Amino acid sequence: MSFNKRKHSFKFLNATQFLGALNDNVFKLILVYFIINLQGLPDASSILAKAGAVFVVPFLLFSAAAGVLADKISKRNIIVAMKIAEVIVMAFSIFAVAFKSPMLFYSLLFFMGMQSAVFGPSKYGIIPEIVDPKYVSKANGALNTFTYLAIIIGTFLASFITDISNKNFILASIFCVIIAAIGLSTSFGIIKTPAKKSKKKINPLFIYEIYKTLVICSKKRYLISAVLGSAFFLFIGGFAQLNTIPYAIESLHLTEVGGGYLFLATAVGVAIGSTLAGRLSKDRIELGLACLSGFFVGIVFIMLGIFSHNLYVVIILLVLLGFFGGIYLIPFDSFIQIASPDKKRGRIIAAANFLSFCGVLLAAFFLYLISSTLKFSSANGFLFVGFLALIFNVFITGRMSEMFFSYFSRKILLKFFKIRVNNIPTPSSYIILLEGSWLEVFLLFSFLPNLKVFSLGKVMRNFPYFRGFLNSLYLIKRRRNKRYSLKRLFAKTKKYKRRINFVCLFLGKKFPKKDLKVFLKSSYAKNYPEPIFLKIKREDRLIHYNFIKRQRPSSQEKNTDQKA
């Protein structure tokens, strides 16, 4: 496949996705405005919760089957078929408005969700087939940028058409049909891709299929964490979308249509954040960037709960929420696509979609719970979700701490310090560091990939599990018997060595060098590779790392030492 064909094919995919996302948002908001117009403003929260749940249920029911289909037949053909289905669904929306039937509208929303559920695995799964691997992260950034640009325009158009037409919802439905037809025409421009011809069959017990796929993900380093991170984004994103209109009505005293305009702020932020994430990642996937931005997402949610009565502050916060959200999502989605095996990519993306829309469904139920059952304000809802986001991001950062430390040290610490490295060791090396600070240990992550640091130190009695909370750091309680401490330290490294490239044993300045020397001469230490000693010399902001390999003493030298 030539470069030009690939390039043009991705443009058509981007256009197709753009028009689909545009239509989704216009259609969902038109539905919400239509039913609120029929039932009144007091029911706004429950209407939004119901609409969110109805749209998400098809993703839970059909995501697994859609993933199997994407692995069996051409992803391009699935995309075209789903765009035809979209045109049909949009055409029926005219009748839903004409008969003033909320039930028919909810049914059409269900079928719209079904169409999107089948479309999803093929839309994302086709990217590695039409884009060079080194451009996948940028392609995802571009796709998400245009998706949220579509949300911006779609949100504006839904509110604008409702305003200027004096709530003529038939006119809005006709507009949706036209957009769907244009999207169908652009889908024909996507280059035909070969079917992967997976032998996997669709299993009606889709929950079990999802479970088996997630087991496959758990065997690939960081893949399950990326899937969970992507799913949590849909939870907080879904809640933000559903809670914004009630928030605007209660806290800012806007109309439901005026509240719809606030979506523009978040969508603008996501578009900027997605673009920036692709540029910051360049030719690599920066999972550490996602972890870092996740903390800012939680903080912005909390601030939305606190500054809920100032419109200008809220608009700025919504832009920031979208900005950090866009940066948060792109690395996770890119990693899922690249790390997934070719013949299982569709199923893995479908499983990720399933969990993601479980998050959206949970967001709808959560909104209903806090608004209708617990009678919480929408501002308090943002506050609560902000704390949830911080807690979850602490967990996901712990699982991906090596990637987080790598990104943080390369992009932030190296702005303040310079390093020089001599004799970088080969993978499978055991590095022993006696004298050094934790800052100098963290800077190791900037040039040693797949590193795990083991250290002897104090382990808090009340929080014993904290010692293994960070995936790249492990604390082992220091004992009085130094030989026993070293034996436990080396034994623990053996458990993890198959999954990592480098092991660093950080003993600290207080550890007696004589005890280490005696231990390395022992028969027990011979079961491990020859250790490499790391000497660190610091000159103000310049830090020298010098790796020195020392040969174990021969038996003759050992006997001489014992006599001495």
Protein backbone atom coordinates (compact mmCIF):
# COMPACT_ATOMS: atom_id res chain seq x y z
CA MET A 1 0.00 0.00 0.00
CA SER A 2 1.54 3.33 -1.05
CA PHE A 3 2.07 6.19 1.37
CA ASN A 4 -0.38 8.48 -0.50
CA LYS A 5 -3.15 5.88 -0.43
CA ARG A 6 -2.60 5.37 3.30
CA LYS A 7 -2.62 9.12 3.88
CA HIS A 8 -5.83 9.73 1.90
CA SER A 9 -7.48 6.69 3.44
CA PHE A 10 -6.87 8.02 6.94
CA LYS A 11 -8.31 11.39 5.90
CA PHE A 12 -11.53 9.68 4.79
CA LEU A 13 -11.62 7.70 8.05
CA ASN A 14 -11.17 10.93 9.99
CA ALA A 15 -13.95 12.61 8.01
CA THR A 16 -16.28 9.64 8.53
CA GLN A 17 -15.61 9.62 12.28
CA PHE A 18 -16.00 13.41 12.43
CA LEU A 19 -19.43 13.31 10.80
CA GLY A 20 -20.53 10.35 12.93
CA ALA A 21 -19.50 12.09 16.17
CA LEU A 22 -21.17 15.29 14.97
CA ASN A 23 -24.42 13.42 14.33
CA ASP A 24 -24.26 11.53 17.64
CA ASN A 25 -24.06 14.76 19.60
CA VAL A 26 -26.68 16.65 17.63
CA PHE A 27 -29.06 13.68 17.86
CA LYS A 28 -28.58 13.07 21.61
CA LEU A 29 -29.00 16.74 22.52
CA ILE A 30 -32.03 17.13 20.25
CA LEU A 31 -33.55 14.11 22.01
CA VAL A 32 -32.84 15.63 25.43
CA TYR A 33 -34.25 19.05 24.47
CA PHE A 34 -37.30 17.39 22.86
CA ILE A 35 -38.18 15.32 25.94
CA ILE A 36 -37.43 18.16 28.40
CA ASN A 37 -39.75 20.31 26.27
CA LEU A 38 -42.47 17.67 26.70
CA GLN A 39 -41.93 16.83 30.39
CA GLY A 40 -40.48 20.03 31.91
CA LEU A 41 -37.19 21.27 33.45
CA PRO A 42 -37.53 19.51 36.85
CA ASP A 43 -37.02 16.15 35.11
CA ALA A 44 -33.79 17.24 33.35
CA SER A 45 -31.42 15.10 35.49
CA SER A 46 -33.51 11.93 35.19
CA ILE A 47 -33.99 12.44 31.42
CA LEU A 48 -30.24 12.83 30.93
CA ALA A 49 -29.54 9.76 33.09
CA LYS A 50 -32.05 7.65 31.12
CA ALA A 51 -30.71 8.85 27.77
CA GLY A 52 -27.16 8.08 28.86
CA ALA A 53 -28.11 4.58 30.01
CA VAL A 54 -30.13 3.76 26.86
CA PHE A 55 -27.26 4.84 24.60
CA VAL A 56 -24.70 2.79 26.53
CA VAL A 57 -26.54 -0.55 26.92
CA PRO A 58 -25.88 -1.57 23.26
CA PHE A 59 -22.14 -1.13 23.82
CA LEU A 60 -22.34 -3.64 26.65
CA LEU A 61 -24.43 -6.10 24.63
CA PHE A 62 -22.67 -5.94 21.27
CA SER A 63 -19.05 -4.85 21.87
CA ALA A 64 -17.71 -8.42 22.17
CA ALA A 65 -19.50 -9.55 18.99
CA ALA A 66 -18.31 -6.40 17.19
CA GLY A 67 -14.71 -7.21 18.13
CA VAL A 68 -15.01 -10.75 16.75
CA LEU A 69 -16.53 -9.38 13.52
CA ALA A 70 -13.68 -6.88 13.18
CA ASP A 71 -11.18 -9.76 13.39
CA LYS A 72 -13.07 -11.91 10.86
CA ILE A 73 -14.11 -9.57 8.04
CA SER A 74 -12.81 -6.36 6.49
CA LYS A 75 -12.99 -3.46 8.93
CA ARG A 76 -13.66 -1.08 6.06
CA ASN A 77 -16.77 -3.04 5.05
CA ILE A 78 -18.08 -2.90 8.62
CA ILE A 79 -17.59 0.88 8.67
CA VAL A 80 -19.60 1.32 5.45
CA ALA A 81 -22.40 -0.97 6.68
CA MET A 82 -22.72 0.95 9.93
CA LYS A 83 -22.94 4.29 8.12
CA ILE A 84 -25.87 2.89 6.10
CA ALA A 85 -27.53 1.89 9.39
CA GLU A 86 -26.99 5.43 10.70
CA VAL A 87 -28.88 6.94 7.76
CA ILE A 88 -31.85 4.63 8.45
CA VAL A 89 -31.95 5.44 12.19
CA MET A 90 -31.80 9.18 11.54
CA ALA A 91 -34.65 8.93 9.02
CA PHE A 92 -36.90 7.32 11.65
CA SER A 93 -36.18 10.18 14.08
CA ILE A 94 -38.43 12.40 11.94
CA PHE A 95 -41.38 10.12 12.78
CA ALA A 96 -40.46 10.16 16.49
CA VAL A 97 -40.79 13.94 16.53
CA ALA A 98 -43.93 13.97 14.39
CA PHE A 99 -45.71 11.55 16.75
CA LYS A 100 -44.24 13.23 19.88
CA SER A 101 -43.09 9.83 21.09
CA PRO A 102 -40.30 9.79 23.74
CA MET A 103 -40.40 5.98 23.67
CA LEU A 104 -39.66 5.88 19.92
CA PHE A 105 -36.86 8.40 20.43
CA TYR A 106 -35.34 6.26 23.21
CA SER A 107 -35.61 3.20 20.92
CA LEU A 108 -33.80 5.03 18.13
CA LEU A 109 -31.14 6.12 20.60
CA PHE A 110 -30.67 2.44 21.48
CA PHE A 111 -30.17 1.55 17.79
CA MET A 112 -27.83 4.51 17.38
CA GLY A 113 -25.78 3.12 20.26
CA MET A 114 -25.83 -0.33 18.65
CA GLN A 115 -24.52 1.14 15.39
CA SER A 116 -21.74 2.97 17.24
CA ALA A 117 -20.85 -0.17 19.23
CA VAL A 118 -20.27 -2.19 16.06
CA PHE A 119 -18.50 0.75 14.40
CA GLY A 120 -16.01 1.28 17.28
CA PRO A 121 -13.64 -1.75 17.07
CA SER A 122 -13.32 -1.38 13.30
CA LYS A 123 -12.79 2.39 13.51
CA TYR A 124 -9.86 2.07 15.92
CA GLY A 125 -8.65 -1.33 14.75
CA ILE A 126 -8.19 -0.14 11.17
CA ILE A 127 -5.73 2.61 12.19
CA PRO A 128 -2.65 0.31 12.46
CA GLU A 129 -3.66 -1.20 9.09
CA ILE A 130 -3.67 2.13 7.22
CA VAL A 131 -1.09 4.10 9.27
CA ASP A 132 2.61 3.35 9.85
CA PRO A 133 3.24 2.16 13.44
CA LYS A 134 5.38 5.18 14.36
CA TYR A 135 2.49 7.50 13.42
CA VAL A 136 -0.24 5.65 15.34
CA SER A 137 -0.06 7.98 18.35
CA LYS A 138 -0.29 11.05 16.10
CA ALA A 139 -3.14 9.44 14.14
CA ASN A 140 -5.05 8.86 17.36
CA GLY A 141 -4.39 12.43 18.38
CA ALA A 142 -5.74 13.68 15.04
CA LEU A 143 -8.77 11.38 15.20
CA ASN A 144 -9.62 12.49 18.74
CA THR A 145 -9.02 16.13 17.88
CA PHE A 146 -11.53 15.96 15.03
CA THR A 147 -13.90 13.91 17.18
CA TYR A 148 -14.02 16.63 19.80
CA LEU A 149 -14.15 19.30 17.14
CA ALA A 150 -17.28 17.45 16.01
CA ILE A 151 -18.57 17.56 19.58
CA ILE A 152 -17.93 21.32 19.66
CA ILE A 153 -19.79 21.90 16.40
CA GLY A 154 -22.49 19.33 17.18
CA THR A 155 -23.18 20.82 20.61
CA PHE A 156 -23.37 24.29 19.13
CA LEU A 157 -25.59 23.20 16.23
CA ALA A 158 -28.02 21.29 18.46
CA SER A 159 -28.50 24.33 20.68
CA PHE A 160 -28.38 26.81 17.78
CA ILE A 161 -30.93 24.95 15.61
CA THR A 162 -33.23 24.58 18.63
CA ASP A 163 -32.94 28.33 19.29
CA ILE A 164 -33.36 29.75 15.77
CA SER A 165 -36.09 27.29 14.73
CA ASN A 166 -38.10 27.99 17.89
CA LYS A 167 -37.75 24.30 18.88
CA ASN A 168 -38.66 22.88 15.46
CA PHE A 169 -37.34 19.36 16.13
CA ILE A 170 -38.44 17.99 12.73
CA LEU A 171 -36.02 20.41 11.05
CA ALA A 172 -33.27 19.22 13.41
CA SER A 173 -34.03 15.57 12.54
CA ILE A 174 -33.79 16.30 8.80
CA PHE A 175 -30.39 17.88 9.45
CA CYS A 176 -29.27 14.63 11.13
CA VAL A 177 -30.32 12.61 8.07
CA ILE A 178 -28.26 14.86 5.78
CA ILE A 179 -25.15 14.55 7.96
CA ALA A 180 -25.53 10.75 8.06
CA ALA A 181 -25.75 10.62 4.26
CA ILE A 182 -22.56 12.70 3.88
CA GLY A 183 -20.81 10.39 6.36
CA LEU A 184 -21.83 7.38 4.29
CA SER A 185 -20.29 8.95 1.17
CA THR A 186 -16.93 9.62 2.90
CA SER A 187 -16.75 6.02 4.18
CA PHE A 188 -16.43 4.79 0.59
CA GLY A 189 -13.10 6.66 0.37
CA ILE A 190 -11.46 4.42 2.99
CA ILE A 191 -9.16 1.94 1.27
CA LYS A 192 -10.29 -1.69 1.36
CA THR A 193 -8.43 -3.65 4.02
CA PRO A 194 -8.03 -7.44 4.00
CA ALA A 195 -10.02 -9.54 6.44
CA LYS A 196 -7.90 -11.04 9.22
CA LYS A 197 -10.01 -14.24 8.97
CA SER A 198 -9.86 -15.03 12.64
CA LYS A 199 -11.41 -18.41 13.44
CA LYS A 200 -12.97 -17.04 16.59
CA LYS A 201 -16.76 -17.43 16.69
CA ILE A 202 -19.28 -15.07 18.21
CA ASN A 203 -20.21 -16.35 21.65
CA PRO A 204 -23.62 -15.33 23.04
CA LEU A 205 -22.04 -15.54 26.50
CA PHE A 206 -20.29 -12.25 25.77
CA ILE A 207 -19.38 -11.56 29.40
CA TYR A 208 -17.24 -14.70 29.42
CA GLU A 209 -15.64 -13.61 26.12
CA ILE A 210 -14.83 -10.22 27.60
CA TYR A 211 -13.32 -11.93 30.63
CA LYS A 212 -11.11 -14.18 28.47
CA THR A 213 -9.95 -11.19 26.44
CA LEU A 214 -9.07 -9.28 29.62
CA VAL A 215 -7.05 -12.30 30.78
CA ILE A 216 -5.08 -12.02 27.51
CA CYS A 217 -4.56 -8.31 28.27
CA SER A 218 -3.27 -9.09 31.75
CA LYS A 219 -0.42 -11.15 30.27
CA LYS A 220 0.87 -8.16 28.29
CA ARG A 221 2.79 -5.63 30.35
CA TYR A 222 0.72 -2.49 31.04
CA LEU A 223 -2.07 -3.48 28.62
CA ILE A 224 -4.70 -4.19 31.28
CA SER A 225 -3.76 -0.94 33.06
CA ALA A 226 -4.20 0.99 29.80
CA VAL A 227 -7.61 -0.64 29.26
CA LEU A 228 -8.71 0.31 32.79
CA GLY A 229 -7.36 3.85 32.37
CA SER A 230 -9.28 4.30 29.12
CA ALA A 231 -12.45 2.94 30.74
CA PHE A 232 -12.19 5.29 33.70
CA PHE A 233 -11.87 8.23 31.31
CA LEU A 234 -15.26 7.32 29.85
CA PHE A 235 -16.73 7.18 33.36
CA ILE A 236 -15.58 10.68 34.32
CA GLY A 237 -16.23 12.00 30.80
CA GLY A 238 -19.72 10.50 30.76
CA PHE A 239 -20.50 11.94 34.18
CA ALA A 240 -19.21 15.37 33.15
CA GLN A 241 -21.39 15.34 30.03
CA LEU A 242 -24.53 14.18 31.86
CA ASN A 243 -24.03 16.49 34.85
CA THR A 244 -23.23 19.68 32.92
CA ILE A 245 -26.81 20.67 32.03
CA PRO A 246 -28.21 20.11 35.58
CA TYR A 247 -25.11 21.96 36.89
CA ALA A 248 -25.85 24.88 34.56
CA ILE A 249 -29.51 24.99 35.62
CA GLU A 250 -28.90 24.67 39.40
CA SER A 251 -25.65 26.57 39.96
CA LEU A 252 -25.41 29.02 37.05
CA HIS A 253 -29.19 29.53 36.56
CA LEU A 254 -29.05 28.95 32.80
CA THR A 255 -31.68 27.27 30.60
CA GLU A 256 -31.18 23.70 29.37
CA VAL A 257 -30.18 25.05 25.93
CA GLY A 258 -27.79 27.53 27.54
CA GLY A 259 -26.29 24.67 29.53
CA GLY A 260 -25.77 22.80 26.29
CA TYR A 261 -23.44 25.56 25.12
CA LEU A 262 -21.11 24.76 28.05
CA PHE A 263 -20.21 21.50 26.31
CA LEU A 264 -18.31 23.67 23.85
CA ALA A 265 -15.77 24.64 26.51
CA THR A 266 -14.96 21.02 27.40
CA ALA A 267 -14.85 19.94 23.77
CA VAL A 268 -12.47 22.79 22.86
CA GLY A 269 -10.19 21.68 25.68
CA VAL A 270 -10.25 18.03 24.59
CA ALA A 271 -9.46 18.98 20.99
CA ILE A 272 -6.44 21.03 22.11
CA GLY A 273 -5.33 18.37 24.61
CA SER A 274 -5.60 15.54 22.07
CA THR A 275 -3.54 17.48 19.54
CA LEU A 276 -0.91 18.35 22.14
CA ALA A 277 -0.75 14.74 23.37
CA GLY A 278 0.08 13.57 19.86
CA ARG A 279 2.79 16.22 19.52
CA LEU A 280 4.29 15.55 22.96
CA SER A 281 4.38 11.81 22.31
CA LYS A 282 6.10 12.26 18.92
CA ASP A 283 7.16 8.78 17.77
CA ARG A 284 6.58 7.03 21.10
CA ILE A 285 3.63 6.32 23.37
CA GLU A 286 3.95 8.22 26.65
CA LEU A 287 1.90 6.39 29.28
CA GLY A 288 3.61 8.52 31.92
CA LEU A 289 2.04 11.61 30.35
CA ALA A 290 -1.41 10.07 30.86
CA CYS A 291 -0.65 9.37 34.53
CA LEU A 292 0.52 12.94 35.11
CA SER A 293 -2.50 14.54 33.44
CA GLY A 294 -4.87 12.29 35.41
CA PHE A 295 -4.01 14.14 38.62
CA PHE A 296 -4.94 17.46 37.00
CA VAL A 297 -8.28 16.00 35.85
CA GLY A 298 -9.18 15.17 39.46
CA ILE A 299 -8.13 18.61 40.70
CA VAL A 300 -10.25 20.39 38.05
CA PHE A 301 -13.33 18.32 38.99
CA ILE A 302 -12.90 19.36 42.63
CA MET A 303 -12.56 23.03 41.62
CA LEU A 304 -15.79 22.76 39.58
CA GLY A 305 -17.54 21.71 42.78
CA ILE A 306 -16.06 24.63 44.73
CA PHE A 307 -16.39 27.49 42.18
CA SER A 308 -19.86 26.53 40.98
CA HIS A 309 -21.49 29.99 40.90
CA ASN A 310 -18.98 31.91 38.77
CA LEU A 311 -19.72 31.43 35.07
CA TYR A 312 -16.36 32.69 33.80
CA VAL A 313 -14.37 30.50 36.20
CA VAL A 314 -16.56 27.51 35.27
CA ILE A 315 -15.90 28.03 31.55
CA ILE A 316 -12.13 28.15 32.16
CA LEU A 317 -12.32 25.02 34.34
CA LEU A 318 -14.34 23.14 31.71
CA VAL A 319 -11.73 24.00 29.06
CA LEU A 320 -9.00 22.74 31.42
CA LEU A 321 -11.01 19.59 32.16
CA GLY A 322 -11.20 18.80 28.46
CA PHE A 323 -7.56 19.75 27.93
CA PHE A 324 -6.17 17.38 30.57
CA GLY A 325 -8.75 14.75 29.64
CA GLY A 326 -7.56 14.76 26.02
CA ILE A 327 -3.93 14.38 27.12
CA TYR A 328 -5.00 11.59 29.50
CA LEU A 329 -6.83 9.47 26.90
CA ILE A 330 -4.56 9.48 23.82
CA PRO A 331 -1.59 7.50 25.24
CA PHE A 332 -3.89 4.79 26.63
CA ASP A 333 -5.80 4.32 23.36
CA SER A 334 -2.60 4.34 21.30
CA PHE A 335 -0.96 1.76 23.56
CA ILE A 336 -4.00 -0.55 23.35
CA GLN A 337 -3.83 -0.49 19.54
CA ILE A 338 -0.07 -1.04 19.30
CA ALA A 339 0.33 -3.59 22.10
CA SER A 340 -2.58 -5.80 20.94
CA PRO A 341 -1.69 -8.81 18.73
CA ASP A 342 -2.91 -8.40 15.13
CA LYS A 343 -5.44 -11.23 15.17
CA LYS A 344 -6.79 -10.24 18.59
CA ARG A 345 -6.76 -6.47 18.18
CA GLY A 346 -10.47 -6.22 17.37
CA ARG A 347 -11.46 -8.30 20.41
CA ILE A 348 -9.16 -6.36 22.74
CA ILE A 349 -10.46 -3.00 21.50
CA ALA A 350 -14.02 -4.36 21.87
CA ALA A 351 -13.26 -5.44 25.45
CA ALA A 352 -11.83 -1.98 26.14
CA ASN A 353 -14.98 -0.44 24.65
CA PHE A 354 -17.12 -2.72 26.81
CA LEU A 355 -15.37 -1.59 29.99
CA SER A 356 -15.43 2.02 28.80
CA PHE A 357 -19.16 1.99 28.30
CA CYS A 358 -19.64 0.16 31.58
CA GLY A 359 -18.07 3.35 32.91
CA VAL A 360 -20.54 5.51 30.98
CA LEU A 361 -23.47 3.41 32.23
CA LEU A 362 -22.11 3.65 35.77
CA ALA A 363 -21.89 7.43 35.31
CA ALA A 364 -25.58 7.53 34.32
CA PHE A 365 -26.60 5.46 37.37
CA PHE A 366 -24.33 7.54 39.59
CA LEU A 367 -25.95 10.77 38.36
CA TYR A 368 -29.40 9.30 39.02
CA LEU A 369 -28.29 8.16 42.49
CA ILE A 370 -26.91 11.50 43.64
CA SER A 371 -29.65 13.65 42.06
CA SER A 372 -32.82 11.60 42.61
CA THR A 373 -32.01 9.33 45.57
CA LEU A 374 -29.44 11.19 47.68
CA LYS A 375 -30.66 14.65 46.59
CA PHE A 376 -27.09 15.94 46.17
CA SER A 377 -26.50 19.06 44.13
CA SER A 378 -24.77 18.73 40.77
CA ALA A 379 -21.83 20.77 42.14
CA ASN A 380 -21.33 18.21 44.92
CA GLY A 381 -21.43 15.51 42.25
CA PHE A 382 -18.41 17.08 40.53
CA LEU A 383 -16.64 17.35 43.89
CA PHE A 384 -17.19 13.67 44.70
CA VAL A 385 -16.07 12.47 41.25
CA GLY A 386 -12.94 14.61 41.57
CA PHE A 387 -11.85 12.71 44.67
CA LEU A 388 -12.66 9.41 42.93
CA ALA A 389 -10.50 10.47 39.97
CA LEU A 390 -7.54 11.26 42.23
CA ILE A 391 -7.82 7.92 44.06
CA PHE A 392 -8.05 5.95 40.80
CA ASN A 393 -5.14 7.82 39.26
CA VAL A 394 -2.95 7.06 42.28
CA PHE A 395 -3.74 3.37 41.69
CA ILE A 396 -3.10 3.44 37.92
CA THR A 397 0.12 5.45 38.38
CA GLY A 398 1.29 2.85 40.88
CA ARG A 399 0.77 0.12 38.28
CA MET A 400 2.61 2.19 35.64
CA SER A 401 5.11 3.87 37.94
CA GLU A 402 8.09 2.99 35.74
CA MET A 403 6.51 4.84 32.79
CA PHE A 404 5.53 7.73 35.07
CA PHE A 405 9.03 8.06 36.55
CA SER A 406 10.56 7.75 33.08
CA TYR A 407 8.41 10.55 31.67
CA PHE A 408 8.76 12.74 34.77
CA SER A 409 12.54 12.39 34.87
CA ARG A 410 13.01 12.94 31.10
CA LYS A 411 10.61 15.84 30.66
CA ILE A 412 10.79 17.60 34.03
CA LEU A 413 13.82 16.61 36.14
CA LEU A 414 16.21 16.84 33.18
CA LYS A 415 15.14 20.47 32.76
CA PHE A 416 16.92 21.17 36.06
CA PHE A 417 19.71 18.57 35.99
CA LYS A 418 22.15 17.23 33.41
CA ILE A 419 23.43 13.68 33.42
CA ARG A 420 26.42 11.89 31.91
CA VAL A 421 26.46 8.11 31.72
CA ASN A 422 29.48 5.85 31.28
CA ASN A 423 29.28 2.15 30.41
CA ILE A 424 25.51 1.64 30.27
CA PRO A 425 24.92 -1.99 31.30
CA THR A 426 23.24 -4.56 29.10
CA PRO A 427 19.75 -5.84 29.95
CA SER A 428 19.49 -8.58 32.62
CA SER A 429 22.05 -6.73 34.73
CA TYR A 430 21.98 -6.51 38.52
CA ILE A 431 22.98 -2.98 39.53
CA ILE A 432 24.12 -2.29 43.10
CA LEU A 433 23.96 1.29 44.34
CA LEU A 434 25.47 2.00 47.76
CA GLU A 435 25.75 5.78 47.87
CA GLY A 436 23.13 7.99 46.30
CA SER A 437 19.90 9.90 46.87
CA TRP A 438 16.37 9.04 45.76
CA LEU A 439 16.58 11.91 43.24
CA GLU A 440 19.54 10.20 41.59
CA VAL A 441 17.65 6.89 41.65
CA PHE A 442 14.65 8.44 39.90
CA LEU A 443 16.93 9.89 37.21
CA LEU A 444 17.95 6.30 36.37
CA PHE A 445 14.50 5.88 34.82
CA SER A 446 15.38 8.49 32.20
CA PHE A 447 17.86 6.18 30.46
CA LEU A 448 17.24 2.63 31.75
CA PRO A 449 14.04 1.15 30.26
CA ASN A 450 12.01 -1.40 32.19
CA LEU A 451 13.79 -0.78 35.51
CA LYS A 452 12.71 -2.00 38.96
CA VAL A 453 14.37 -0.68 42.11
CA PHE A 454 14.60 -2.81 45.25
CA SER A 455 15.58 -1.11 48.47
CA LEU A 456 16.17 -2.01 52.11
CA GLY A 457 14.36 0.34 54.42
CA LYS A 458 11.67 0.88 56.99
CA VAL A 459 8.29 -0.61 56.10
CA MET A 460 5.35 0.98 57.90
CA ARG A 461 3.68 -1.58 60.12
CA ASN A 462 0.19 -0.21 59.50
CA PHE A 463 0.64 -0.08 55.71
CA PRO A 464 2.65 -3.19 54.77
CA TYR A 465 1.23 -3.33 51.23
CA PHE A 466 2.60 0.11 50.41
CA ARG A 467 6.04 -1.43 49.85
CA GLY A 468 4.83 -3.05 46.62
CA PHE A 469 2.29 -0.38 45.65
CA LEU A 470 4.58 1.23 43.08
CA ASN A 471 5.25 -1.30 40.36
CA SER A 472 8.81 -0.09 39.79
CA LEU A 473 9.81 0.19 43.47
CA TYR A 474 9.83 -2.46 46.17
CA LEU A 475 10.79 -1.89 49.81
CA ILE A 476 12.13 -4.78 51.89
CA LYS A 477 12.33 -4.42 55.64
CA ARG A 478 15.90 -4.04 56.85
CA ARG A 479 16.92 -6.64 59.45
CA ARG A 480 19.74 -6.57 61.97
CA ASN A 481 21.30 -9.54 60.22
CA LYS A 482 22.69 -7.90 57.07
CA ARG A 483 23.32 -11.21 55.33
CA TYR A 484 19.67 -12.22 55.85
CA SER A 485 18.51 -8.82 54.51
CA LEU A 486 20.61 -9.22 51.36
CA LYS A 487 19.41 -12.78 50.89
CA ARG A 488 15.77 -11.63 50.99
CA LEU A 489 16.56 -8.75 48.65
CA PHE A 490 18.16 -10.99 46.02
CA ALA A 491 15.39 -13.61 46.40
CA LYS A 492 12.72 -10.98 45.75
CA THR A 493 14.45 -9.79 42.56
CA LYS A 494 14.38 -13.33 41.16
CA LYS A 495 10.57 -13.29 41.26
CA TYR A 496 10.37 -10.25 38.98
CA LYS A 497 13.46 -10.72 36.79
CA ARG A 498 11.65 -12.40 33.91
CA ARG A 499 9.44 -9.37 33.39
CA ILE A 500 12.01 -6.59 33.66
CA ASN A 501 15.27 -5.60 31.98
CA PHE A 502 17.22 -4.02 34.82
CA VAL A 503 17.34 -4.60 38.58
CA CYS A 504 18.78 -1.89 40.83
CA LEU A 505 19.56 -2.82 44.44
CA PHE A 506 19.59 0.47 46.34
CA LEU A 507 21.25 -0.26 49.69
CA GLY A 508 22.02 3.26 50.89
CA LYS A 509 25.04 4.89 52.52
CA LYS A 510 24.58 3.25 55.92
CA PHE A 511 24.82 -0.30 54.63
CA PRO A 512 28.25 -1.78 55.63
CA LYS A 513 30.39 -2.41 52.55
CA LYS A 514 32.16 -5.23 54.36
CA ASP A 515 28.89 -7.17 54.81
CA LEU A 516 28.10 -6.74 51.11
CA LYS A 517 31.55 -7.97 50.12
CA VAL A 518 31.22 -11.09 52.29
CA PHE A 519 27.76 -11.82 50.89
CA LEU A 520 28.90 -11.54 47.26
CA LYS A 521 31.60 -14.13 47.96
CA SER A 522 29.03 -16.61 49.32
CA SER A 523 27.77 -19.62 47.40
CA TYR A 524 24.23 -18.18 47.53
CA ALA A 525 25.24 -15.06 45.57
CA LYS A 526 26.75 -17.22 42.81
CA ASN A 527 23.20 -18.16 41.75
CA TYR A 528 22.77 -14.62 40.42
CA PRO A 529 24.48 -12.75 37.54
CA GLU A 530 27.66 -10.82 38.17
CA PRO A 531 26.61 -7.51 39.82
CA ILE A 532 27.47 -4.12 38.38
CA PHE A 533 28.31 -1.34 40.82
CA LEU A 534 26.99 2.14 40.18
CA LYS A 535 29.12 5.08 41.27
CA ILE A 536 27.48 8.49 41.28
CA LYS A 537 29.34 11.78 41.36
CA ARG A 538 27.43 15.03 41.60
CA GLU A 539 28.78 18.43 40.58
CA ASP A 540 26.05 20.97 41.30
CA ARG A 541 23.44 20.23 38.58
CA LEU A 542 25.62 17.79 36.66
CA ILE A 543 25.35 14.15 37.75
CA HIS A 544 27.80 11.48 36.55
CA TYR A 545 26.66 7.83 36.43
CA ASN A 546 29.51 5.35 36.13
CA PHE A 547 28.73 1.62 35.88
CA ILE A 548 31.62 -0.62 36.99
CA LYS A 549 31.70 -4.37 36.62
CA ARG A 550 33.80 -6.14 39.26
CA GLN A 551 34.81 -9.76 38.94
CA ARG A 552 33.96 -12.10 41.79
CA PRO A 553 37.06 -13.12 43.73
CA SER A 554 38.56 -16.46 42.83
CA SER A 555 38.57 -19.31 45.36
CA GLN A 556 42.28 -18.58 46.07
CA GLU A 557 41.49 -14.91 46.84
CA LYS A 558 38.58 -16.03 48.96
CA ASN A 559 40.80 -18.35 51.05
CA THR A 560 43.35 -15.57 51.49
CA ASP A 561 40.61 -13.26 52.80
CA GLN A 562 39.37 -15.93 55.20
CA LYS A 563 42.92 -16.47 56.58
CA ALA A 564 43.31 -12.77 57.04
